[in-house]
Amino acid sequence: MKRLTLLVLCTACAWSAPADFNGRWILEVPGEARGRAWWLKVEGAGTTAMRGEFIGAPGGQLDPIPALTIDKGGALIWEFERVYDRQLNTTQEGMYRARLTDGKLAGELTAGGRVLQTFTGSRAPALPDRDDGSWVKQKPVELFNGRDLSGWRVAAPKRSLNEWQAIAGSLRNGNGKAPDIASDRRFWNFELHMEFRVAQHSNSGIGLRGRYEVQIYGDHGEPPSLHGNGALYSRIAPAVNATLPPDQWQTIDIRLVGRTVTVVLNGKKLIDKREIEGLTAMATDPYEDQPGPLMLQGDHGPVEFRKVTVTPLEK
């Protein structure tokens, strides 16, 4: 009996070893204001080289974690100086604490002595599909009919689809403060062709499977960047800036197979079969191994679309 008890105790210790935090995690956040998921990456847990990256609060980009530790109780802890407290309408230092149980994370964000948010985490799945030339185009799907918002829904809780408008054959986000919207139809591997128009420094985005944002931004004449037009937002910068002058109609073509993405803007290849490491801040659909919707971002300035065509890819 003593030998069996010792074996069980050692097995439990192995389950909660610091190295078990290593890897990429998708965090589901009940009640998150925009319905979004977070993303966490941990490397070197339990060593002096421990480091991490995070997408969620405090901001919308991929942030390196300034200090990542494991406390004496076995909890993973990280902090950011800039966390928004909606109840107090202020920004303050926040602490994230997550425990690992049966391969899952359970955690909370606290600030000012209060719990602001709880979350749970699952390991990001492997996606075996590769863009190897074996995928065949299927019948194209037109997601915008030019007349109304049939086939679309609001992605953010407590917002209205009527904040978007179909006017003169284009889809517009009202005053530039509309909620993100998502297609009713869900897709796995596909090619996407879109036509859009955006003012200088106005900002929108395209959510692939509701998880990975390709940036739309009026940055004509500026250097390419991780936040620039055609970037995989905060993850993969475009090779060149191919943005047309303000208020001109532009075209973007995107191919997504598994986690492999290619982006062509106005006929110029910006991203060529690059691997997407994980979610971006626009993500509302955390289930990476399942089909997801196409999303359009609506709350970062005026934008309009007049063509949204998805061509599914199958073996």
C-alpha atoms as a PDB file:
ATOM      1  CA  MET A   1       0.000   0.000   0.000  1.00  0.00           C
ATOM      2  CA  LYS A   2       2.814   2.439   0.864  1.00  0.00           C
ATOM      3  CA  ARG A   3       4.444   1.769  -2.516  1.00  0.00           C
ATOM      4  CA  LEU A   4       1.146   2.468  -4.356  1.00  0.00           C
ATOM      5  CA  THR A   5       0.595   5.673  -2.368  1.00  0.00           C
ATOM      6  CA  LEU A   6       4.093   6.890  -3.223  1.00  0.00           C
ATOM      7  CA  LEU A   7       3.497   6.170  -6.915  1.00  0.00           C
ATOM      8  CA  VAL A   8       0.250   8.171  -6.892  1.00  0.00           C
ATOM      9  CA  LEU A   9       1.909  11.106  -5.138  1.00  0.00           C
ATOM     10  CA  CYS A  10       4.812  11.149  -7.593  1.00  0.00           C
ATOM     11  CA  THR A  11       2.430  11.016 -10.529  1.00  0.00           C
ATOM     12  CA  ALA A  12       0.530  14.021  -9.134  1.00  0.00           C
ATOM     13  CA  CYS A  13       3.830  15.871  -8.760  1.00  0.00           C
ATOM     14  CA  ALA A  14       4.661  15.148 -12.393  1.00  0.00           C
ATOM     15  CA  TRP A  15       1.303  16.539 -13.500  1.00  0.00           C
ATOM     16  CA  SER A  16       1.973  19.849 -11.778  1.00  0.00           C
ATOM     17  CA  ALA A  17       5.657  20.237 -12.672  1.00  0.00           C
ATOM     18  CA  PRO A  18       6.622  23.750 -13.828  1.00  0.00           C
ATOM     19  CA  ALA A  19       7.487  22.474 -17.314  1.00  0.00           C
ATOM     20  CA  ASP A  20       3.845  21.465 -17.778  1.00  0.00           C
ATOM     21  CA  PHE A  21       3.018  25.157 -18.269  1.00  0.00           C
ATOM     22  CA  ASN A  22       5.165  25.256 -21.414  1.00  0.00           C
ATOM     23  CA  GLY A  23       3.390  25.557 -24.734  1.00  0.00           C
ATOM     24  CA  ARG A  24       0.683  27.585 -26.439  1.00  0.00           C
ATOM     25  CA  TRP A  25      -2.639  28.064 -24.669  1.00  0.00           C
ATOM     26  CA  ILE A  26      -6.045  29.296 -25.816  1.00  0.00           C
ATOM     27  CA  LEU A  27      -7.842  31.096 -22.991  1.00  0.00           C
ATOM     28  CA  GLU A  28     -11.631  31.297 -22.902  1.00  0.00           C
ATOM     29  CA  VAL A  29     -12.910  34.317 -20.975  1.00  0.00           C
ATOM     30  CA  PRO A  30     -16.549  34.160 -19.776  1.00  0.00           C
ATOM     31  CA  GLY A  31     -18.256  37.544 -19.932  1.00  0.00           C
ATOM     32  CA  GLU A  32     -15.429  39.266 -21.821  1.00  0.00           C
ATOM     33  CA  ALA A  33     -16.844  42.586 -23.052  1.00  0.00           C
ATOM     34  CA  ARG A  34     -16.285  41.863 -26.760  1.00  0.00           C
ATOM     35  CA  GLY A  35     -16.706  38.101 -26.553  1.00  0.00           C
ATOM     36  CA  ARG A  36     -13.026  37.594 -27.326  1.00  0.00           C
ATOM     37  CA  ALA A  37     -10.592  34.820 -26.456  1.00  0.00           C
ATOM     38  CA  TRP A  38      -7.032  35.318 -25.174  1.00  0.00           C
ATOM     39  CA  TRP A  39      -3.778  33.540 -26.074  1.00  0.00           C
ATOM     40  CA  LEU A  40      -0.750  32.632 -23.969  1.00  0.00           C
ATOM     41  CA  LYS A  41       2.653  31.165 -24.783  1.00  0.00           C
ATOM     42  CA  VAL A  42       5.059  29.896 -22.121  1.00  0.00           C
ATOM     43  CA  GLU A  43       8.649  28.729 -22.649  1.00  0.00           C
ATOM     44  CA  GLY A  44      11.314  27.585 -20.198  1.00  0.00           C
ATOM     45  CA  ALA A  45       8.962  27.218 -17.239  1.00  0.00           C
ATOM     46  CA  GLY A  46      10.887  26.211 -14.136  1.00  0.00           C
ATOM     47  CA  THR A  47      14.204  27.537 -15.489  1.00  0.00           C
ATOM     48  CA  THR A  48      16.001  30.870 -15.366  1.00  0.00           C
ATOM     49  CA  ALA A  49      15.131  31.322 -19.058  1.00  0.00           C
ATOM     50  CA  MET A  50      11.375  31.356 -18.447  1.00  0.00           C
ATOM     51  CA  ARG A  51       9.535  33.719 -20.779  1.00  0.00           C
ATOM     52  CA  GLY A  52       6.116  34.260 -22.264  1.00  0.00           C
ATOM     53  CA  GLU A  53       3.870  36.122 -24.712  1.00  0.00           C
ATOM     54  CA  PHE A  54       0.264  37.131 -24.250  1.00  0.00           C
ATOM     55  CA  ILE A  55      -2.691  38.448 -26.244  1.00  0.00           C
ATOM     56  CA  GLY A  56      -5.653  39.756 -24.246  1.00  0.00           C
ATOM     57  CA  ALA A  57      -5.943  42.485 -21.647  1.00  0.00           C
ATOM     58  CA  PRO A  58      -4.214  44.981 -21.410  1.00  0.00           C
ATOM     59  CA  GLY A  59      -4.084  45.637 -25.150  1.00  0.00           C
ATOM     60  CA  GLY A  60      -4.872  44.299 -28.572  1.00  0.00           C
ATOM     61  CA  GLN A  61      -1.438  43.210 -29.695  1.00  0.00           C
ATOM     62  CA  LEU A  62       1.048  40.415 -28.996  1.00  0.00           C
ATOM     63  CA  ASP A  63       2.839  41.517 -25.838  1.00  0.00           C
ATOM     64  CA  PRO A  64       5.969  39.964 -24.346  1.00  0.00           C
ATOM     65  CA  ILE A  65       5.324  39.250 -20.671  1.00  0.00           C
ATOM     66  CA  PRO A  66       7.736  41.428 -18.653  1.00  0.00           C
ATOM     67  CA  ALA A  67       7.918  39.053 -15.676  1.00  0.00           C
ATOM     68  CA  LEU A  68       6.671  35.469 -15.607  1.00  0.00           C
ATOM     69  CA  THR A  69       7.019  33.378 -12.443  1.00  0.00           C
ATOM     70  CA  ILE A  70       5.690  30.313 -10.660  1.00  0.00           C
ATOM     71  CA  ASP A  71       4.864  30.874  -7.005  1.00  0.00           C
ATOM     72  CA  LYS A  72       5.440  28.457  -4.110  1.00  0.00           C
ATOM     73  CA  GLY A  73       1.928  27.117  -4.523  1.00  0.00           C
ATOM     74  CA  GLY A  74       2.596  26.132  -8.136  1.00  0.00           C
ATOM     75  CA  ALA A  75       0.586  28.926  -9.788  1.00  0.00           C
ATOM     76  CA  LEU A  76       1.768  30.691 -12.943  1.00  0.00           C
ATOM     77  CA  ILE A  77       1.840  34.471 -12.404  1.00  0.00           C
ATOM     78  CA  TRP A  78       2.345  37.388 -14.777  1.00  0.00           C
ATOM     79  CA  GLU A  79       1.612  41.118 -14.502  1.00  0.00           C
ATOM     80  CA  PHE A  80       1.014  44.137 -16.702  1.00  0.00           C
ATOM     81  CA  GLU A  81       1.048  47.771 -15.607  1.00  0.00           C
ATOM     82  CA  ARG A  82      -1.842  48.689 -17.896  1.00  0.00           C
ATOM     83  CA  VAL A  83      -5.106  46.793 -17.260  1.00  0.00           C
ATOM     84  CA  TYR A  84      -8.455  48.501 -17.759  1.00  0.00           C
ATOM     85  CA  ASP A  85     -10.972  48.251 -14.923  1.00  0.00           C
ATOM     86  CA  ARG A  86     -14.421  48.775 -16.465  1.00  0.00           C
ATOM     87  CA  GLN A  87     -16.147  49.184 -13.118  1.00  0.00           C
ATOM     88  CA  LEU A  88     -13.886  52.055 -12.050  1.00  0.00           C
ATOM     89  CA  ASN A  89     -13.236  53.303 -15.609  1.00  0.00           C
ATOM     90  CA  THR A  90      -9.516  53.460 -14.907  1.00  0.00           C
ATOM     91  CA  THR A  91      -6.270  51.736 -15.845  1.00  0.00           C
ATOM     92  CA  GLN A  92      -4.085  50.104 -13.217  1.00  0.00           C
ATOM     93  CA  GLU A  93      -1.612  47.288 -12.619  1.00  0.00           C
ATOM     94  CA  GLY A  94      -3.126  43.855 -13.000  1.00  0.00           C
ATOM     95  CA  MET A  95      -1.998  40.371 -11.979  1.00  0.00           C
ATOM     96  CA  TYR A  96      -2.832  37.126 -13.769  1.00  0.00           C
ATOM     97  CA  ARG A  97      -2.686  33.891 -11.804  1.00  0.00           C
ATOM     98  CA  ALA A  98      -3.329  30.478 -13.361  1.00  0.00           C
ATOM     99  CA  ARG A  99      -3.205  26.953 -11.959  1.00  0.00           C
ATOM    100  CA  LEU A 100      -2.819  23.743 -13.922  1.00  0.00           C
ATOM    101  CA  THR A 101      -5.185  20.859 -13.201  1.00  0.00           C
ATOM    102  CA  ASP A 102      -5.655  17.779 -15.389  1.00  0.00           C
ATOM    103  CA  GLY A 103      -3.950  19.517 -18.304  1.00  0.00           C
ATOM    104  CA  LYS A 104      -6.167  22.619 -18.150  1.00  0.00           C
ATOM    105  CA  LEU A 105      -5.530  26.134 -16.896  1.00  0.00           C
ATOM    106  CA  ALA A 106      -7.890  27.907 -14.524  1.00  0.00           C
ATOM    107  CA  GLY A 107      -7.090  31.480 -13.637  1.00  0.00           C
ATOM    108  CA  GLU A 108      -8.123  34.991 -12.756  1.00  0.00           C
ATOM    109  CA  LEU A 109      -7.113  38.578 -13.423  1.00  0.00           C
ATOM    110  CA  THR A 110      -7.035  40.789 -10.345  1.00  0.00           C
ATOM    111  CA  ALA A 111      -6.421  44.525  -9.929  1.00  0.00           C
ATOM    112  CA  GLY A 112      -6.868  46.773  -6.935  1.00  0.00           C
ATOM    113  CA  GLY A 113      -7.674  43.784  -4.755  1.00  0.00           C
ATOM    114  CA  ARG A 114     -10.634  42.710  -6.919  1.00  0.00           C
ATOM    115  CA  VAL A 115     -11.136  39.915  -9.435  1.00  0.00           C
ATOM    116  CA  LEU A 116     -11.789  41.571 -12.807  1.00  0.00           C
ATOM    117  CA  GLN A 117     -11.986  38.455 -14.932  1.00  0.00           C
ATOM    118  CA  THR A 118     -11.743  34.670 -14.746  1.00  0.00           C
ATOM    119  CA  PHE A 119     -10.495  32.429 -17.554  1.00  0.00           C
ATOM    120  CA  THR A 120      -9.820  28.820 -18.467  1.00  0.00           C
ATOM    121  CA  GLY A 121      -7.139  27.525 -20.820  1.00  0.00           C
ATOM    122  CA  SER A 122      -6.646  24.590 -23.169  1.00  0.00           C
ATOM    123  CA  ARG A 123      -3.590  23.684 -25.202  1.00  0.00           C
ATOM    124  CA  ALA A 124      -3.650  24.918 -28.795  1.00  0.00           C
ATOM    125  CA  PRO A 125      -4.259  21.961 -31.123  1.00  0.00           C
ATOM    126  CA  ALA A 126      -1.950  20.843 -33.911  1.00  0.00           C
ATOM    127  CA  LEU A 127      -3.272  21.634 -37.401  1.00  0.00           C
ATOM    128  CA  PRO A 128      -1.740  19.156 -39.884  1.00  0.00           C
ATOM    129  CA  ASP A 129      -3.040  20.735 -43.142  1.00  0.00           C
ATOM    130  CA  ARG A 130      -0.303  22.225 -45.330  1.00  0.00           C
ATOM    131  CA  ASP A 131      -0.547  24.434 -48.407  1.00  0.00           C
ATOM    132  CA  ASP A 132       1.133  21.810 -50.598  1.00  0.00           C
ATOM    133  CA  GLY A 133      -0.670  22.286 -53.910  1.00  0.00           C
ATOM    134  CA  SER A 134      -3.176  19.485 -53.309  1.00  0.00           C
ATOM    135  CA  TRP A 135      -6.159  21.684 -52.463  1.00  0.00           C
ATOM    136  CA  VAL A 136      -8.938  22.133 -55.029  1.00  0.00           C
ATOM    137  CA  LYS A 137     -11.140  25.219 -55.335  1.00  0.00           C
ATOM    138  CA  GLN A 138     -14.854  24.684 -54.739  1.00  0.00           C
ATOM    139  CA  LYS A 139     -17.837  26.866 -55.656  1.00  0.00           C
ATOM    140  CA  PRO A 140     -17.320  30.496 -54.545  1.00  0.00           C
ATOM    141  CA  VAL A 141     -19.574  31.888 -51.815  1.00  0.00           C
ATOM    142  CA  GLU A 142     -20.628  35.543 -51.917  1.00  0.00           C
ATOM    143  CA  LEU A 143     -21.001  36.725 -48.324  1.00  0.00           C
ATOM    144  CA  PHE A 144     -22.285  40.218 -49.167  1.00  0.00           C
ATOM    145  CA  ASN A 145     -25.260  40.430 -51.525  1.00  0.00           C
ATOM    146  CA  GLY A 146     -24.924  44.196 -52.097  1.00  0.00           C
ATOM    147  CA  ARG A 147     -28.363  44.919 -50.630  1.00  0.00           C
ATOM    148  CA  ASP A 148     -28.490  44.052 -46.918  1.00  0.00           C
ATOM    149  CA  LEU A 149     -26.744  42.205 -44.094  1.00  0.00           C
ATOM    150  CA  SER A 150     -28.325  38.823 -44.706  1.00  0.00           C
ATOM    151  CA  GLY A 151     -25.929  36.079 -43.587  1.00  0.00           C
ATOM    152  CA  TRP A 152     -24.153  38.220 -40.971  1.00  0.00           C
ATOM    153  CA  ARG A 153     -24.463  38.466 -37.191  1.00  0.00           C
ATOM    154  CA  VAL A 154     -22.985  40.653 -34.469  1.00  0.00           C
ATOM    155  CA  ALA A 155     -19.885  39.189 -32.827  1.00  0.00           C
ATOM    156  CA  ALA A 156     -19.898  41.473 -29.766  1.00  0.00           C
ATOM    157  CA  PRO A 157     -22.515  40.960 -27.032  1.00  0.00           C
ATOM    158  CA  LYS A 158     -25.260  43.582 -26.568  1.00  0.00           C
ATOM    159  CA  ARG A 159     -24.635  45.329 -29.907  1.00  0.00           C
ATOM    160  CA  SER A 160     -26.865  45.691 -32.945  1.00  0.00           C
ATOM    161  CA  LEU A 161     -26.324  44.538 -36.521  1.00  0.00           C
ATOM    162  CA  ASN A 162     -28.097  47.745 -37.578  1.00  0.00           C
ATOM    163  CA  GLU A 163     -24.957  49.698 -36.728  1.00  0.00           C
ATOM    164  CA  TRP A 164     -23.728  48.468 -40.128  1.00  0.00           C
ATOM    165  CA  GLN A 165     -25.440  49.593 -43.337  1.00  0.00           C
ATOM    166  CA  ALA A 166     -25.724  48.386 -46.907  1.00  0.00           C
ATOM    167  CA  ILE A 167     -25.726  51.534 -49.067  1.00  0.00           C
ATOM    168  CA  ALA A 168     -25.313  51.821 -52.843  1.00  0.00           C
ATOM    169  CA  GLY A 169     -23.838  48.343 -53.116  1.00  0.00           C
ATOM    170  CA  SER A 170     -21.298  48.685 -50.314  1.00  0.00           C
ATOM    171  CA  LEU A 171     -21.212  47.481 -46.715  1.00  0.00           C
ATOM    172  CA  ARG A 172     -20.368  50.301 -44.288  1.00  0.00           C
ATOM    173  CA  ASN A 173     -19.725  50.447 -40.567  1.00  0.00           C
ATOM    174  CA  GLY A 174     -21.861  53.519 -39.885  1.00  0.00           C
ATOM    175  CA  ASN A 175     -19.878  56.168 -38.037  1.00  0.00           C
ATOM    176  CA  GLY A 176     -16.810  53.965 -37.655  1.00  0.00           C
ATOM    177  CA  LYS A 177     -17.784  52.709 -34.186  1.00  0.00           C
ATOM    178  CA  ALA A 178     -19.867  49.678 -35.168  1.00  0.00           C
ATOM    179  CA  PRO A 179     -19.342  46.260 -33.570  1.00  0.00           C
ATOM    180  CA  ASP A 180     -17.409  43.468 -35.236  1.00  0.00           C
ATOM    181  CA  ILE A 181     -19.627  41.224 -37.351  1.00  0.00           C
ATOM    182  CA  ALA A 182     -19.265  37.572 -38.331  1.00  0.00           C
ATOM    183  CA  SER A 183     -20.624  35.476 -41.176  1.00  0.00           C
ATOM    184  CA  ASP A 184     -23.252  32.867 -40.392  1.00  0.00           C
ATOM    185  CA  ARG A 185     -21.367  30.465 -42.632  1.00  0.00           C
ATOM    186  CA  ARG A 186     -18.218  28.846 -41.326  1.00  0.00           C
ATOM    187  CA  PHE A 187     -15.157  27.875 -43.324  1.00  0.00           C
ATOM    188  CA  TRP A 188     -12.010  25.787 -42.946  1.00  0.00           C
ATOM    189  CA  ASN A 189      -9.431  26.117 -45.740  1.00  0.00           C
ATOM    190  CA  PHE A 190     -10.267  28.793 -48.305  1.00  0.00           C
ATOM    191  CA  GLU A 191      -9.295  31.650 -50.572  1.00  0.00           C
ATOM    192  CA  LEU A 192     -10.819  35.062 -49.901  1.00  0.00           C
ATOM    193  CA  HIS A 193     -11.198  37.967 -52.321  1.00  0.00           C
ATOM    194  CA  MET A 194     -12.334  41.342 -50.970  1.00  0.00           C
ATOM    195  CA  GLU A 195     -12.635  44.919 -52.168  1.00  0.00           C
ATOM    196  CA  PHE A 196     -12.489  47.657 -49.546  1.00  0.00           C
ATOM    197  CA  ARG A 197     -12.046  51.395 -49.136  1.00  0.00           C
ATOM    198  CA  VAL A 198     -10.548  53.136 -46.132  1.00  0.00           C
ATOM    199  CA  ALA A 199      -9.443  56.671 -45.257  1.00  0.00           C
ATOM    200  CA  GLN A 200      -5.877  57.506 -44.247  1.00  0.00           C
ATOM    201  CA  HIS A 201      -5.238  56.147 -40.746  1.00  0.00           C
ATOM    202  CA  SER A 202      -8.672  54.570 -40.514  1.00  0.00           C
ATOM    203  CA  ASN A 203      -8.482  50.997 -39.298  1.00  0.00           C
ATOM    204  CA  SER A 204     -10.367  47.741 -39.746  1.00  0.00           C
ATOM    205  CA  GLY A 205      -9.572  44.048 -39.975  1.00  0.00           C
ATOM    206  CA  ILE A 206     -10.562  40.703 -41.460  1.00  0.00           C
ATOM    207  CA  GLY A 207     -10.962  37.835 -38.997  1.00  0.00           C
ATOM    208  CA  LEU A 208     -10.038  34.513 -40.626  1.00  0.00           C
ATOM    209  CA  ARG A 209     -12.098  31.702 -39.042  1.00  0.00           C
ATOM    210  CA  GLY A 210     -12.925  34.266 -36.378  1.00  0.00           C
ATOM    211  CA  ARG A 211      -9.363  33.875 -35.014  1.00  0.00           C
ATOM    212  CA  TYR A 212      -6.620  35.492 -37.081  1.00  0.00           C
ATOM    213  CA  GLU A 213      -6.821  39.157 -38.080  1.00  0.00           C
ATOM    214  CA  VAL A 214      -5.447  40.470 -41.339  1.00  0.00           C
ATOM    215  CA  GLN A 215      -5.153  44.206 -40.812  1.00  0.00           C
ATOM    216  CA  ILE A 216      -6.867  46.822 -42.945  1.00  0.00           C
ATOM    217  CA  TYR A 217      -5.287  50.230 -42.433  1.00  0.00           C
ATOM    218  CA  GLY A 218      -4.932  53.503 -44.312  1.00  0.00           C
ATOM    219  CA  ASP A 219      -1.127  53.741 -44.236  1.00  0.00           C
ATOM    220  CA  HIS A 220      -0.318  54.907 -47.759  1.00  0.00           C
ATOM    221  CA  GLY A 221       3.305  56.083 -48.011  1.00  0.00           C
ATOM    222  CA  GLU A 222       4.355  54.705 -44.613  1.00  0.00           C
ATOM    223  CA  PRO A 223       6.848  51.906 -43.831  1.00  0.00           C
ATOM    224  CA  PRO A 224       5.424  48.358 -43.565  1.00  0.00           C
ATOM    225  CA  SER A 225       4.862  47.225 -39.999  1.00  0.00           C
ATOM    226  CA  LEU A 226       3.221  44.594 -37.804  1.00  0.00           C
ATOM    227  CA  HIS A 227       0.217  46.927 -37.569  1.00  0.00           C
ATOM    228  CA  GLY A 228       0.227  47.927 -41.244  1.00  0.00           C
ATOM    229  CA  ASN A 229      -2.201  47.228 -44.056  1.00  0.00           C
ATOM    230  CA  GLY A 230      -2.144  43.517 -44.940  1.00  0.00           C
ATOM    231  CA  ALA A 231      -0.225  42.444 -41.833  1.00  0.00           C
ATOM    232  CA  LEU A 232      -1.228  39.379 -39.844  1.00  0.00           C
ATOM    233  CA  TYR A 233      -1.950  41.739 -36.974  1.00  0.00           C
ATOM    234  CA  SER A 234       0.977  42.075 -34.534  1.00  0.00           C
ATOM    235  CA  ARG A 235       2.374  38.718 -35.721  1.00  0.00           C
ATOM    236  CA  ILE A 236       3.576  38.888 -39.355  1.00  0.00           C
ATOM    237  CA  ALA A 237       4.546  42.163 -41.041  1.00  0.00           C
ATOM    238  CA  PRO A 238       3.923  42.666 -44.784  1.00  0.00           C
ATOM    239  CA  ALA A 239       7.001  42.439 -47.009  1.00  0.00           C
ATOM    240  CA  VAL A 240       6.145  45.802 -48.634  1.00  0.00           C
ATOM    241  CA  ASN A 241       3.590  48.576 -48.269  1.00  0.00           C
ATOM    242  CA  ALA A 242       1.147  48.163 -51.157  1.00  0.00           C
ATOM    243  CA  THR A 243      -1.560  50.508 -49.839  1.00  0.00           C
ATOM    244  CA  LEU A 244      -3.215  52.799 -52.370  1.00  0.00           C
ATOM    245  CA  PRO A 245      -3.879  56.500 -51.669  1.00  0.00           C
ATOM    246  CA  PRO A 246      -6.793  57.283 -49.306  1.00  0.00           C
ATOM    247  CA  ASP A 247     -10.383  56.565 -50.346  1.00  0.00           C
ATOM    248  CA  GLN A 248      -9.449  54.457 -53.374  1.00  0.00           C
ATOM    249  CA  TRP A 249     -10.951  50.984 -53.745  1.00  0.00           C
ATOM    250  CA  GLN A 250      -8.372  48.320 -52.946  1.00  0.00           C
ATOM    251  CA  THR A 251      -8.283  44.545 -53.382  1.00  0.00           C
ATOM    252  CA  ILE A 252      -7.002  41.932 -50.983  1.00  0.00           C
ATOM    253  CA  ASP A 253      -6.639  38.207 -51.634  1.00  0.00           C
ATOM    254  CA  ILE A 254      -5.972  35.808 -48.769  1.00  0.00           C
ATOM    255  CA  ARG A 255      -5.336  32.065 -48.811  1.00  0.00           C
ATOM    256  CA  LEU A 256      -5.554  30.088 -45.566  1.00  0.00           C
ATOM    257  CA  VAL A 257      -4.708  26.377 -45.283  1.00  0.00           C
ATOM    258  CA  GLY A 258      -4.345  25.036 -41.761  1.00  0.00           C
ATOM    259  CA  ARG A 259      -2.254  27.755 -40.124  1.00  0.00           C
ATOM    260  CA  THR A 260      -0.482  28.719 -43.376  1.00  0.00           C
ATOM    261  CA  VAL A 261      -1.460  32.132 -44.729  1.00  0.00           C
ATOM    262  CA  THR A 262      -0.708  34.036 -47.931  1.00  0.00           C
ATOM    263  CA  VAL A 263      -1.768  37.683 -48.409  1.00  0.00           C
ATOM    264  CA  VAL A 264      -1.775  39.674 -51.669  1.00  0.00           C
ATOM    265  CA  LEU A 265      -2.744  43.370 -51.535  1.00  0.00           C
ATOM    266  CA  ASN A 266      -3.447  45.281 -54.746  1.00  0.00           C
ATOM    267  CA  GLY A 267      -1.585  42.610 -56.726  1.00  0.00           C
ATOM    268  CA  LYS A 268       1.545  42.590 -54.522  1.00  0.00           C
ATOM    269  CA  LYS A 269       2.411  39.584 -52.342  1.00  0.00           C
ATOM    270  CA  LEU A 270       2.850  40.716 -48.749  1.00  0.00           C
ATOM    271  CA  ILE A 271       2.926  37.369 -46.915  1.00  0.00           C
ATOM    272  CA  ASP A 272       3.913  34.134 -48.647  1.00  0.00           C
ATOM    273  CA  LYS A 273       2.897  30.849 -46.975  1.00  0.00           C
ATOM    274  CA  ARG A 274       3.801  31.935 -43.463  1.00  0.00           C
ATOM    275  CA  GLU A 275       2.780  29.996 -40.382  1.00  0.00           C
ATOM    276  CA  ILE A 276       0.341  31.650 -37.965  1.00  0.00           C
ATOM    277  CA  GLU A 277       1.481  30.859 -34.444  1.00  0.00           C
ATOM    278  CA  GLY A 278      -1.838  31.538 -32.752  1.00  0.00           C
ATOM    279  CA  LEU A 279      -4.847  33.762 -32.139  1.00  0.00           C
ATOM    280  CA  THR A 280      -4.825  37.519 -32.580  1.00  0.00           C
ATOM    281  CA  ALA A 281      -6.768  39.997 -30.460  1.00  0.00           C
ATOM    282  CA  MET A 282      -9.779  39.922 -32.793  1.00  0.00           C
ATOM    283  CA  ALA A 283     -10.477  36.252 -31.984  1.00  0.00           C
ATOM    284  CA  THR A 284     -13.948  35.342 -30.777  1.00  0.00           C
ATOM    285  CA  ASP A 285     -13.923  31.700 -31.923  1.00  0.00           C
ATOM    286  CA  PRO A 286     -11.245  29.838 -29.926  1.00  0.00           C
ATOM    287  CA  TYR A 287     -11.678  26.335 -31.363  1.00  0.00           C
ATOM    288  CA  GLU A 288      -8.720  26.296 -33.749  1.00  0.00           C
ATOM    289  CA  ASP A 289      -9.278  22.785 -35.104  1.00  0.00           C
ATOM    290  CA  GLN A 290     -12.809  23.571 -36.305  1.00  0.00           C
ATOM    291  CA  PRO A 291     -14.236  25.725 -39.142  1.00  0.00           C
ATOM    292  CA  GLY A 292     -14.969  29.320 -38.193  1.00  0.00           C
ATOM    293  CA  PRO A 293     -16.666  32.452 -39.556  1.00  0.00           C
ATOM    294  CA  LEU A 294     -15.284  35.359 -41.503  1.00  0.00           C
ATOM    295  CA  MET A 295     -15.268  38.517 -39.379  1.00  0.00           C
ATOM    296  CA  LEU A 296     -15.153  42.225 -40.191  1.00  0.00           C
ATOM    297  CA  GLN A 297     -13.903  44.739 -37.634  1.00  0.00           C
ATOM    298  CA  GLY A 298     -16.093  47.805 -37.257  1.00  0.00           C
ATOM    299  CA  ASP A 299     -15.012  49.965 -34.320  1.00  0.00           C
ATOM    300  CA  HIS A 300     -11.688  51.514 -35.386  1.00  0.00           C
ATOM    301  CA  GLY A 301     -12.805  54.058 -37.971  1.00  0.00           C
ATOM    302  CA  PRO A 302     -14.820  54.267 -41.209  1.00  0.00           C
ATOM    303  CA  VAL A 303     -14.436  51.430 -43.722  1.00  0.00           C
ATOM    304  CA  GLU A 304     -16.561  49.981 -46.510  1.00  0.00           C
ATOM    305  CA  PHE A 305     -16.590  46.737 -48.470  1.00  0.00           C
ATOM    306  CA  ARG A 306     -18.239  45.963 -51.792  1.00  0.00           C
ATOM    307  CA  LYS A 307     -16.996  42.422 -52.456  1.00  0.00           C
ATOM    308  CA  VAL A 308     -16.558  39.524 -50.010  1.00  0.00           C
ATOM    309  CA  THR A 309     -16.023  36.237 -51.845  1.00  0.00           C
ATOM    310  CA  VAL A 310     -14.903  33.011 -50.131  1.00  0.00           C
ATOM    311  CA  THR A 311     -13.809  30.033 -52.218  1.00  0.00           C
ATOM    312  CA  PRO A 312     -13.553  26.892 -50.054  1.00  0.00           C
ATOM    313  CA  LEU A 313     -10.597  24.559 -50.642  1.00  0.00           C
ATOM    314  CA  GLU A 314     -10.883  20.794 -50.351  1.00  0.00           C
ATOM    315  CA  LYS A 315      -8.626  17.848 -51.111  1.00  0.00           C
END
